Structures are given as structure tokens and as C-alpha cells.
Amino acid sequence: MAELKTKPTARSVEGFLKAIKDRARQKDCRTLVTVMRQATGARPEMWGPSIVGFGRYHYTYASGREGDWFLAGFSPRKQNLTLYIMSGFAGAEPLLKKLGKHKTGGSCLYLKSLADVDRSALSKLVQRSVTAVRKRYA
């Protein structure tokens, strides 16, 4: 079985955030740190070179593949802020409708800017995911 390439690193989250040149994007990322920290109760840590993750859970699939992953996370990609909503979006349609401008794919929520979304709906979506993942992998 192939080993996961994305793993926690010792890289500084603060250093990563400070290196974001676009000030609006940097501010959005700092807001996401607050939202995800509140939802998980965990400190942020870097996963690979560009993902800020919060908390951890251990998974084992029916195939036998297992590993550790973050409960919630985000990455400031070139085109979008990518938020990792690990529970997926099944049943989250009312929150997504209220959220505002976004796209989804798999467990990823793509946002151009936090100015385009309802922060309350975003916080609830992240909290909903964290609760579901903790319940599933407890």
C-alpha cells in the first residue's frame, strides 16, 4: 500500500500565513484559523507544504488502508481557498444554500473569498463535519 505523502510537518503555521502576499487572502486564512480552532479545539499545524490542519483522527477503510488525517483544514490555493470538510456534504444542503458563493468537490469546499460567504453558515458547516468525523472514527 502506498504511504500518504501529506503528513504533519514541523513548519510554522504563523510563518506560512505571514508569507501570503495578498493581504485579503492572509486575513481570510487567519479567520479560518479561528473558525477551525473553535470547531476542533485543536491548534493548527502544517500538513505538507501548504495545508493548515486542525486535530487528528485515525481511519481504517474496508480495503485495509489506514492512516491519520486532520479533522478540518484549509489551503490558500492560487484560484480559491480550499477548505477540507472531511465528512463531505451529504445532508448539508441547507447550510450550503445559505453559505453563498462556493463550489464543492469530494470533501473540498472552494471559496474565492470569505467576503462572499455567510460566516455563520461556514462555522456551522465546519462544526458539523468535525462532529460527524469524531462520531464516525471514535
N, C-alpha and C. Protein backbone atom coordinates (compact mmCIF):
# COMPACT_ATOMS: atom_id res chain seq x y z
N MET A 1 0.83 -1.18 0.00
CA MET A 1 0.00 0.00 0.00
C MET A 1 0.88 1.25 0.00
N ALA A 2 0.51 2.21 -0.80
CA ALA A 2 1.27 3.46 -0.87
C ALA A 2 1.09 4.27 0.41
N GLU A 3 2.18 4.88 0.82
CA GLU A 3 2.14 5.72 2.01
C GLU A 3 1.64 7.11 1.64
N LEU A 4 0.87 7.72 2.53
CA LEU A 4 0.37 9.07 2.28
C LEU A 4 1.53 10.05 2.17
N LYS A 5 1.45 10.94 1.19
CA LYS A 5 2.50 11.95 1.02
C LYS A 5 2.26 13.15 1.93
N THR A 6 1.00 13.45 2.20
CA THR A 6 0.67 14.61 3.02
C THR A 6 0.67 14.21 4.49
N LYS A 7 1.63 14.77 5.22
CA LYS A 7 1.80 14.43 6.64
C LYS A 7 2.05 15.72 7.42
N PRO A 8 1.85 15.65 8.73
CA PRO A 8 2.19 16.82 9.55
C PRO A 8 3.68 17.13 9.45
N THR A 9 3.98 18.42 9.48
CA THR A 9 5.38 18.85 9.43
C THR A 9 5.66 19.76 10.62
N ALA A 10 6.91 20.09 10.81
CA ALA A 10 7.30 21.00 11.89
C ALA A 10 7.28 22.46 11.41
N ARG A 11 6.90 22.67 10.18
CA ARG A 11 6.87 24.02 9.61
C ARG A 11 5.92 24.90 10.41
N SER A 12 6.26 26.17 10.54
CA SER A 12 5.47 27.12 11.32
C SER A 12 4.22 27.57 10.57
N VAL A 13 3.06 27.42 11.21
CA VAL A 13 1.82 27.92 10.63
C VAL A 13 1.89 29.44 10.52
N GLU A 14 2.38 30.09 11.54
CA GLU A 14 2.48 31.55 11.52
C GLU A 14 3.38 32.00 10.38
N GLY A 15 4.50 31.35 10.19
CA GLY A 15 5.40 31.68 9.09
C GLY A 15 4.73 31.48 7.73
N PHE A 16 3.98 30.40 7.61
CA PHE A 16 3.24 30.13 6.38
C PHE A 16 2.23 31.24 6.10
N LEU A 17 1.48 31.63 7.13
CA LEU A 17 0.46 32.68 6.95
C LEU A 17 1.11 34.03 6.63
N LYS A 18 2.19 34.35 7.30
CA LYS A 18 2.88 35.62 7.05
C LYS A 18 3.41 35.70 5.62
N ALA A 19 3.71 34.57 5.01
CA ALA A 19 4.28 34.55 3.67
C ALA A 19 3.22 34.77 2.57
N ILE A 20 1.94 34.77 2.94
CA ILE A 20 0.88 35.02 1.96
C ILE A 20 0.91 36.51 1.62
N LYS A 21 1.23 36.82 0.39
CA LYS A 21 1.43 38.21 -0.02
C LYS A 21 0.12 39.00 -0.12
N ASP A 22 -0.93 38.37 -0.59
CA ASP A 22 -2.22 39.04 -0.72
C ASP A 22 -2.81 39.23 0.68
N ARG A 23 -2.92 40.48 1.11
CA ARG A 23 -3.37 40.78 2.48
C ARG A 23 -4.79 40.31 2.74
N ALA A 24 -5.67 40.42 1.76
CA ALA A 24 -7.05 39.96 1.96
C ALA A 24 -7.07 38.44 2.13
N ARG A 25 -6.26 37.73 1.35
CA ARG A 25 -6.19 36.27 1.46
C ARG A 25 -5.59 35.89 2.80
N GLN A 26 -4.58 36.62 3.24
CA GLN A 26 -3.97 36.35 4.55
C GLN A 26 -4.99 36.55 5.67
N LYS A 27 -5.79 37.62 5.58
CA LYS A 27 -6.81 37.87 6.59
C LYS A 27 -7.85 36.76 6.59
N ASP A 28 -8.27 36.31 5.41
CA ASP A 28 -9.22 35.20 5.31
C ASP A 28 -8.66 33.95 5.98
N CYS A 29 -7.38 33.68 5.75
CA CYS A 29 -6.75 32.50 6.34
C CYS A 29 -6.70 32.60 7.87
N ARG A 30 -6.44 33.77 8.37
CA ARG A 30 -6.42 33.96 9.83
C ARG A 30 -7.82 33.77 10.41
N THR A 31 -8.84 34.20 9.68
CA THR A 31 -10.22 33.97 10.12
C THR A 31 -10.52 32.47 10.12
N LEU A 32 -10.06 31.76 9.09
CA LEU A 32 -10.27 30.31 9.04
C LEU A 32 -9.57 29.60 10.19
N VAL A 33 -8.41 30.10 10.59
CA VAL A 33 -7.73 29.52 11.76
C VAL A 33 -8.64 29.62 12.97
N THR A 34 -9.26 30.77 13.17
CA THR A 34 -10.17 30.96 14.31
C THR A 34 -11.37 30.03 14.21
N VAL A 35 -11.99 29.96 13.05
CA VAL A 35 -13.18 29.12 12.85
C VAL A 35 -12.84 27.65 13.11
N MET A 36 -11.76 27.18 12.55
CA MET A 36 -11.41 25.76 12.67
C MET A 36 -10.86 25.42 14.05
N ARG A 37 -10.20 26.35 14.65
CA ARG A 37 -9.72 26.12 16.01
C ARG A 37 -10.90 25.99 16.98
N GLN A 38 -11.91 26.86 16.79
CA GLN A 38 -13.11 26.78 17.64
C GLN A 38 -13.85 25.46 17.41
N ALA A 39 -13.93 25.02 16.17
CA ALA A 39 -14.67 23.80 15.85
C ALA A 39 -13.97 22.55 16.36
N THR A 40 -12.65 22.54 16.34
CA THR A 40 -11.91 21.34 16.71
C THR A 40 -11.33 21.36 18.11
N GLY A 41 -11.11 22.57 18.64
CA GLY A 41 -10.43 22.69 19.92
C GLY A 41 -8.94 22.38 19.81
N ALA A 42 -8.44 22.32 18.57
CA ALA A 42 -7.05 21.94 18.33
C ALA A 42 -6.25 23.12 17.77
N ARG A 43 -4.97 23.10 18.04
CA ARG A 43 -4.07 24.10 17.48
C ARG A 43 -3.80 23.75 16.01
N PRO A 44 -3.54 24.76 15.19
CA PRO A 44 -3.22 24.49 13.79
C PRO A 44 -1.82 23.90 13.65
N GLU A 45 -1.65 23.05 12.64
CA GLU A 45 -0.33 22.55 12.30
C GLU A 45 -0.27 22.37 10.78
N MET A 46 0.92 22.49 10.25
CA MET A 46 1.11 22.34 8.82
C MET A 46 1.09 20.87 8.44
N TRP A 47 0.38 20.57 7.37
CA TRP A 47 0.35 19.24 6.77
C TRP A 47 0.91 19.43 5.36
N GLY A 48 2.07 18.87 5.12
CA GLY A 48 2.72 19.10 3.84
C GLY A 48 3.11 20.57 3.75
N PRO A 49 3.39 21.04 2.56
CA PRO A 49 3.88 22.41 2.42
C PRO A 49 2.81 23.49 2.44
N SER A 50 1.51 23.11 2.27
CA SER A 50 0.54 24.19 2.09
C SER A 50 -0.85 23.96 2.68
N ILE A 51 -1.00 22.98 3.55
CA ILE A 51 -2.29 22.74 4.20
C ILE A 51 -2.16 23.02 5.69
N VAL A 52 -3.09 23.80 6.22
CA VAL A 52 -3.16 24.04 7.65
C VAL A 52 -4.26 23.12 8.19
N GLY A 53 -3.89 22.17 9.03
CA GLY A 53 -4.83 21.19 9.56
C GLY A 53 -5.04 21.37 11.05
N PHE A 54 -6.19 20.88 11.53
CA PHE A 54 -6.58 21.01 12.93
C PHE A 54 -7.05 19.67 13.45
N GLY A 55 -6.46 19.22 14.55
CA GLY A 55 -6.87 17.96 15.15
C GLY A 55 -6.45 16.79 14.27
N ARG A 56 -6.74 15.59 14.76
CA ARG A 56 -6.41 14.37 14.01
C ARG A 56 -7.42 13.29 14.32
N TYR A 57 -7.55 12.40 13.36
CA TYR A 57 -8.31 11.18 13.59
C TYR A 57 -7.63 10.05 12.83
N HIS A 58 -7.85 8.84 13.31
CA HIS A 58 -7.28 7.66 12.67
C HIS A 58 -8.40 6.94 11.94
N TYR A 59 -8.17 6.62 10.67
CA TYR A 59 -9.18 5.92 9.89
C TYR A 59 -8.65 4.57 9.43
N THR A 60 -9.59 3.65 9.24
CA THR A 60 -9.29 2.36 8.63
C THR A 60 -10.41 2.07 7.65
N TYR A 61 -10.07 1.89 6.39
CA TYR A 61 -11.07 1.58 5.37
C TYR A 61 -11.25 0.07 5.26
N ALA A 62 -12.34 -0.35 4.64
CA ALA A 62 -12.63 -1.77 4.43
C ALA A 62 -11.50 -2.44 3.65
N SER A 63 -10.82 -1.68 2.80
CA SER A 63 -9.71 -2.21 2.00
C SER A 63 -8.49 -2.54 2.85
N GLY A 64 -8.50 -2.06 4.10
CA GLY A 64 -7.36 -2.26 4.98
C GLY A 64 -6.45 -1.05 5.05
N ARG A 65 -6.64 -0.12 4.13
CA ARG A 65 -5.83 1.11 4.17
C ARG A 65 -6.18 1.88 5.44
N GLU A 66 -5.16 2.38 6.10
CA GLU A 66 -5.40 3.18 7.30
C GLU A 66 -4.39 4.30 7.38
N GLY A 67 -4.72 5.27 8.20
CA GLY A 67 -3.82 6.39 8.37
C GLY A 67 -4.39 7.42 9.32
N ASP A 68 -3.69 8.51 9.43
CA ASP A 68 -4.12 9.63 10.27
C ASP A 68 -4.34 10.83 9.36
N TRP A 69 -5.33 11.62 9.70
CA TRP A 69 -5.66 12.79 8.91
C TRP A 69 -6.17 13.88 9.84
N PHE A 70 -6.28 15.09 9.34
CA PHE A 70 -6.77 16.19 10.15
C PHE A 70 -8.30 16.23 10.15
N LEU A 71 -8.89 16.75 11.24
CA LEU A 71 -10.35 16.86 11.34
C LEU A 71 -10.90 17.93 10.41
N ALA A 72 -10.20 19.02 10.30
CA ALA A 72 -10.59 20.13 9.43
C ALA A 72 -9.30 20.81 8.98
N GLY A 73 -9.36 21.41 7.81
CA GLY A 73 -8.17 22.10 7.33
C GLY A 73 -8.48 22.99 6.15
N PHE A 74 -7.48 23.76 5.75
CA PHE A 74 -7.64 24.63 4.59
C PHE A 74 -6.29 24.86 3.93
N SER A 75 -6.36 25.31 2.69
CA SER A 75 -5.17 25.68 1.95
C SER A 75 -5.49 26.87 1.06
N PRO A 76 -4.67 27.91 1.12
CA PRO A 76 -4.89 29.08 0.25
C PRO A 76 -4.29 28.83 -1.13
N ARG A 77 -5.03 28.13 -1.97
CA ARG A 77 -4.58 27.83 -3.32
C ARG A 77 -4.64 29.09 -4.19
N LYS A 78 -4.04 29.03 -5.35
CA LYS A 78 -3.98 30.20 -6.23
C LYS A 78 -5.38 30.67 -6.63
N GLN A 79 -6.25 29.77 -7.03
CA GLN A 79 -7.58 30.13 -7.50
C GLN A 79 -8.59 30.32 -6.38
N ASN A 80 -8.50 29.52 -5.34
CA ASN A 80 -9.52 29.50 -4.28
C ASN A 80 -8.90 29.22 -2.92
N LEU A 81 -9.68 29.55 -1.90
CA LEU A 81 -9.41 28.99 -0.59
C LEU A 81 -10.04 27.61 -0.63
N THR A 82 -9.26 26.60 -0.34
CA THR A 82 -9.79 25.23 -0.33
C THR A 82 -9.94 24.81 1.12
N LEU A 83 -11.17 24.50 1.51
CA LEU A 83 -11.45 24.02 2.86
C LEU A 83 -11.73 22.54 2.79
N TYR A 84 -11.15 21.79 3.69
CA TYR A 84 -11.33 20.34 3.72
C TYR A 84 -12.41 20.01 4.75
N ILE A 85 -13.58 19.63 4.23
CA ILE A 85 -14.74 19.29 5.04
C ILE A 85 -14.83 17.76 5.00
N MET A 86 -14.17 17.13 5.96
CA MET A 86 -13.90 15.71 5.89
C MET A 86 -15.13 14.81 5.93
N SER A 87 -16.26 15.31 6.40
CA SER A 87 -17.47 14.49 6.40
C SER A 87 -18.17 14.51 5.06
N GLY A 88 -17.74 15.38 4.15
CA GLY A 88 -18.43 15.54 2.87
C GLY A 88 -19.63 16.45 3.05
N PHE A 89 -20.52 16.46 2.06
CA PHE A 89 -21.60 17.43 2.05
C PHE A 89 -23.00 16.82 2.04
N ALA A 90 -23.10 15.50 2.13
CA ALA A 90 -24.42 14.85 2.17
C ALA A 90 -25.18 15.36 3.39
N GLY A 91 -26.38 15.85 3.17
CA GLY A 91 -27.21 16.37 4.25
C GLY A 91 -26.92 17.81 4.63
N ALA A 92 -25.93 18.42 3.99
CA ALA A 92 -25.56 19.79 4.34
C ALA A 92 -26.15 20.82 3.38
N GLU A 93 -27.10 20.40 2.55
CA GLU A 93 -27.66 21.29 1.53
C GLU A 93 -28.22 22.60 2.10
N PRO A 94 -28.97 22.58 3.22
CA PRO A 94 -29.47 23.85 3.75
C PRO A 94 -28.35 24.83 4.12
N LEU A 95 -27.27 24.33 4.70
CA LEU A 95 -26.14 25.19 5.04
C LEU A 95 -25.43 25.70 3.78
N LEU A 96 -25.29 24.82 2.80
CA LEU A 96 -24.64 25.23 1.55
C LEU A 96 -25.45 26.29 0.82
N LYS A 97 -26.77 26.16 0.90
CA LYS A 97 -27.64 27.14 0.24
C LYS A 97 -27.48 28.51 0.91
N LYS A 98 -27.35 28.50 2.22
CA LYS A 98 -27.20 29.74 2.98
C LYS A 98 -25.78 30.31 2.86
N LEU A 99 -24.81 29.45 2.57
CA LEU A 99 -23.40 29.83 2.57
C LEU A 99 -23.06 30.97 1.62
N GLY A 100 -23.59 30.92 0.42
CA GLY A 100 -23.23 31.93 -0.58
C GLY A 100 -22.36 31.32 -1.66
N LYS A 101 -21.54 32.15 -2.33
CA LYS A 101 -20.73 31.72 -3.47
C LYS A 101 -19.72 30.66 -3.05
N HIS A 102 -19.85 29.49 -3.66
CA HIS A 102 -18.92 28.39 -3.38
C HIS A 102 -19.05 27.33 -4.45
N LYS A 103 -18.10 26.42 -4.44
CA LYS A 103 -18.15 25.20 -5.24
C LYS A 103 -17.71 24.07 -4.33
N THR A 104 -18.14 22.86 -4.64
CA THR A 104 -17.71 21.70 -3.86
C THR A 104 -17.19 20.62 -4.81
N GLY A 105 -16.37 19.77 -4.25
CA GLY A 105 -15.86 18.60 -4.97
C GLY A 105 -15.32 17.63 -3.95
N GLY A 106 -15.90 16.45 -3.89
CA GLY A 106 -15.46 15.47 -2.88
C GLY A 106 -15.66 16.04 -1.49
N SER A 107 -14.59 16.16 -0.75
CA SER A 107 -14.64 16.75 0.59
C SER A 107 -14.09 18.17 0.60
N CYS A 108 -13.98 18.78 -0.56
CA CYS A 108 -13.42 20.12 -0.66
C CYS A 108 -14.50 21.17 -0.91
N LEU A 109 -14.36 22.25 -0.19
CA LEU A 109 -15.22 23.43 -0.36
C LEU A 109 -14.32 24.53 -0.90
N TYR A 110 -14.69 25.07 -2.06
CA TYR A 110 -13.87 26.08 -2.72
C TYR A 110 -14.54 27.44 -2.59
N LEU A 111 -13.80 28.41 -2.06
CA LEU A 111 -14.29 29.77 -1.88
C LEU A 111 -13.30 30.74 -2.50
N LYS A 112 -13.81 31.76 -3.17
CA LYS A 112 -12.93 32.81 -3.70
C LYS A 112 -12.46 33.71 -2.56
N SER A 113 -13.41 34.03 -1.67
CA SER A 113 -13.13 34.95 -0.58
C SER A 113 -14.15 34.74 0.53
N LEU A 114 -13.77 34.99 1.75
CA LEU A 114 -14.74 34.89 2.85
C LEU A 114 -15.77 36.01 2.78
N ALA A 115 -15.46 37.08 2.05
CA ALA A 115 -16.42 38.17 1.88
C ALA A 115 -17.66 37.70 1.10
N ASP A 116 -17.53 36.60 0.37
CA ASP A 116 -18.62 36.07 -0.46
C ASP A 116 -19.53 35.11 0.30
N VAL A 117 -19.21 34.80 1.56
CA VAL A 117 -19.98 33.76 2.25
C VAL A 117 -20.51 34.23 3.60
N ASP A 118 -21.54 33.54 4.04
CA ASP A 118 -22.12 33.76 5.36
C ASP A 118 -21.24 33.05 6.38
N ARG A 119 -20.63 33.81 7.26
CA ARG A 119 -19.67 33.24 8.23
C ARG A 119 -20.33 32.27 9.20
N SER A 120 -21.56 32.56 9.57
CA SER A 120 -22.27 31.67 10.49
C SER A 120 -22.50 30.31 9.83
N ALA A 121 -22.93 30.32 8.58
CA ALA A 121 -23.15 29.06 7.86
C ALA A 121 -21.83 28.31 7.70
N LEU A 122 -20.75 29.04 7.44
CA LEU A 122 -19.44 28.41 7.30
C LEU A 122 -19.02 27.75 8.61
N SER A 123 -19.16 28.46 9.70
CA SER A 123 -18.79 27.90 11.01
C SER A 123 -19.61 26.65 11.32
N LYS A 124 -20.90 26.70 11.03
CA LYS A 124 -21.77 25.55 11.29
C LYS A 124 -21.39 24.37 10.41
N LEU A 125 -21.01 24.63 9.17
CA LEU A 125 -20.61 23.57 8.26
C LEU A 125 -19.34 22.88 8.76
N VAL A 126 -18.38 23.67 9.20
CA VAL A 126 -17.13 23.10 9.73
C VAL A 126 -17.42 22.31 11.00
N GLN A 127 -18.21 22.87 11.91
CA GLN A 127 -18.53 22.18 13.17
C GLN A 127 -19.29 20.88 12.90
N ARG A 128 -20.22 20.91 11.97
CA ARG A 128 -21.00 19.73 11.60
C ARG A 128 -20.07 18.61 11.12
N SER A 129 -19.10 18.97 10.30
CA SER A 129 -18.15 18.00 9.78
C SER A 129 -17.29 17.40 10.89
N VAL A 130 -16.75 18.26 11.75
CA VAL A 130 -15.90 17.80 12.85
C VAL A 130 -16.67 16.83 13.75
N THR A 131 -17.89 17.19 14.07
CA THR A 131 -18.72 16.32 14.92
C THR A 131 -18.96 14.97 14.24
N ALA A 132 -19.28 14.97 12.96
CA ALA A 132 -19.54 13.73 12.22
C ALA A 132 -18.30 12.85 12.14
N VAL A 133 -17.16 13.44 11.87
CA VAL A 133 -15.92 12.66 11.77
C VAL A 133 -15.55 12.07 13.12
N ARG A 134 -15.68 12.86 14.17
CA ARG A 134 -15.37 12.33 15.51
C ARG A 134 -16.29 11.18 15.86
N LYS A 135 -17.54 11.30 15.51
CA LYS A 135 -18.51 10.23 15.81
C LYS A 135 -18.18 8.97 15.01
N ARG A 136 -17.85 9.15 13.75
CA ARG A 136 -17.58 8.01 12.88
C ARG A 136 -16.30 7.27 13.25
N TYR A 137 -15.28 8.03 13.65
CA TYR A 137 -13.98 7.42 13.91
C TYR A 137 -13.61 7.39 15.39
N ALA A 138 -14.60 7.50 16.25
CA ALA A 138 -14.33 7.49 17.70
C ALA A 138 -13.81 6.15 18.16
